[in-house]
């Protein structure tokens, strides 16, 4: 004797399953289509950190001053010796902290490194969506470090 309905799914079961799948896709899609803001900022901070270290090394090796240039209006930076500036991810706000004598204009400034490895000091902040990474340069040693701030502290 065969039991009724044992050979397949009912229309109601299929509709419920499709609704659940659609809900999962609707929730997951924004996360898949937009890169993670934190990792984007972290990658930008690592890129700036490496460029600052490169500029410091160039100053030491060439035994002359070398400058790291930041254009906050366009979200670009240029290490010493680079032929063209590098752009950060779109939508990332850039802030430069530097000495007054290192300001080239209202939107462009530099961090200067000296042949002994020291620097003018300063830093670059990358901010997006409540996330913030600071790349700081110690004036005495020229050492570069990255700090992540909590979302509440970034505002």
Foldseek 3Di string as FASTA:
>chain_A
DDDPPPPDDDPVVVVVVVVVVVVVCVVCVVPVVDDDPVVLQVVVLVVVQVLLVVLLVCQQVVQAKWKWKAFQVQQWIDHGPDPDIDHGDPQKGKDKFFDPVQAPDPGMGIWMHHNVQAIRWIWMWIDHDLWIKIWTAHRGRRHIDIDTDGSVVVD
